[in-house]
């Protein structure tokens, strides 16, 4: 269940994508939301805030989603954080690669609002 103590981090280099997800989540639930526009900023926020879920874009400049996942899985503090992979590329090779890092699920942009709400609800049922 998503509640006021739930922390969600949205990581995407595209401002419009971050804002769309932020609006959907804020309209649906009351929770702590954090936004990052690159992988290194995301890791800093994760270390400080320890979110329940990270919605992680896979294709970003400087540090991509796979590199973020690799760093997370090597860290005792970050390795248990749940991740929803999120990308504009619907490619089985990328899906297989991210699933090997233990992501909860994989979502392709652009998101359908209702499908996204259902997916997050189901993910939090698993997490809790």
Foldseek 3Di string as FASTA:
>chain_A
DAAAAAEEEEEALDPVQQVVVVVLDVVVYHYHYHYYNDLVVVVVCCVVPVGQEYEAEQDHPPAGPLNSLVVQCVDPSRLPREYEYEYQDPDVVVVVSVVVSPHPYYYHPPDDSVVVVVVVVVVVVVSD
